[in-house]
């Protein structure tokens, strides 16, 4: 459960839920990965607390918690495009990980309120 709590800590927050002064969360809710959408520069979706987030991870992402090995992919396994940063969208990132040799897209958004990237969506490719 400690790993899930840490994932929750770095899951995206709803817009306006981070303090630009302290970087602290202004809410104990995070956006659920399964319903998250990126709209107009913000992450939107169902806001969940730790208990609902834990239930979502256990139901839909459980094999990520118990993985034995992971690495960064060099090319996208669907498009075969090289994975590189986009200077135009530096605040938005997609990293493809090979988790136990299974490709997983981890999408992050830079949250200026907490001064770091937060995970807003995970998809299995």
Foldseek 3Di string as FASTA:
>chain_A
DVVLVVLLVQAAAFPPQFALVPLDGNDQWHAAQVAWDQDPQTIDHDTDHSVVNVVSCVVPVVCQVVFDDKDWDQADPPPRHGQDADPVQNQKHWTWMQTVNWTKIWIWGQDSRNRGIGTHHIDTD
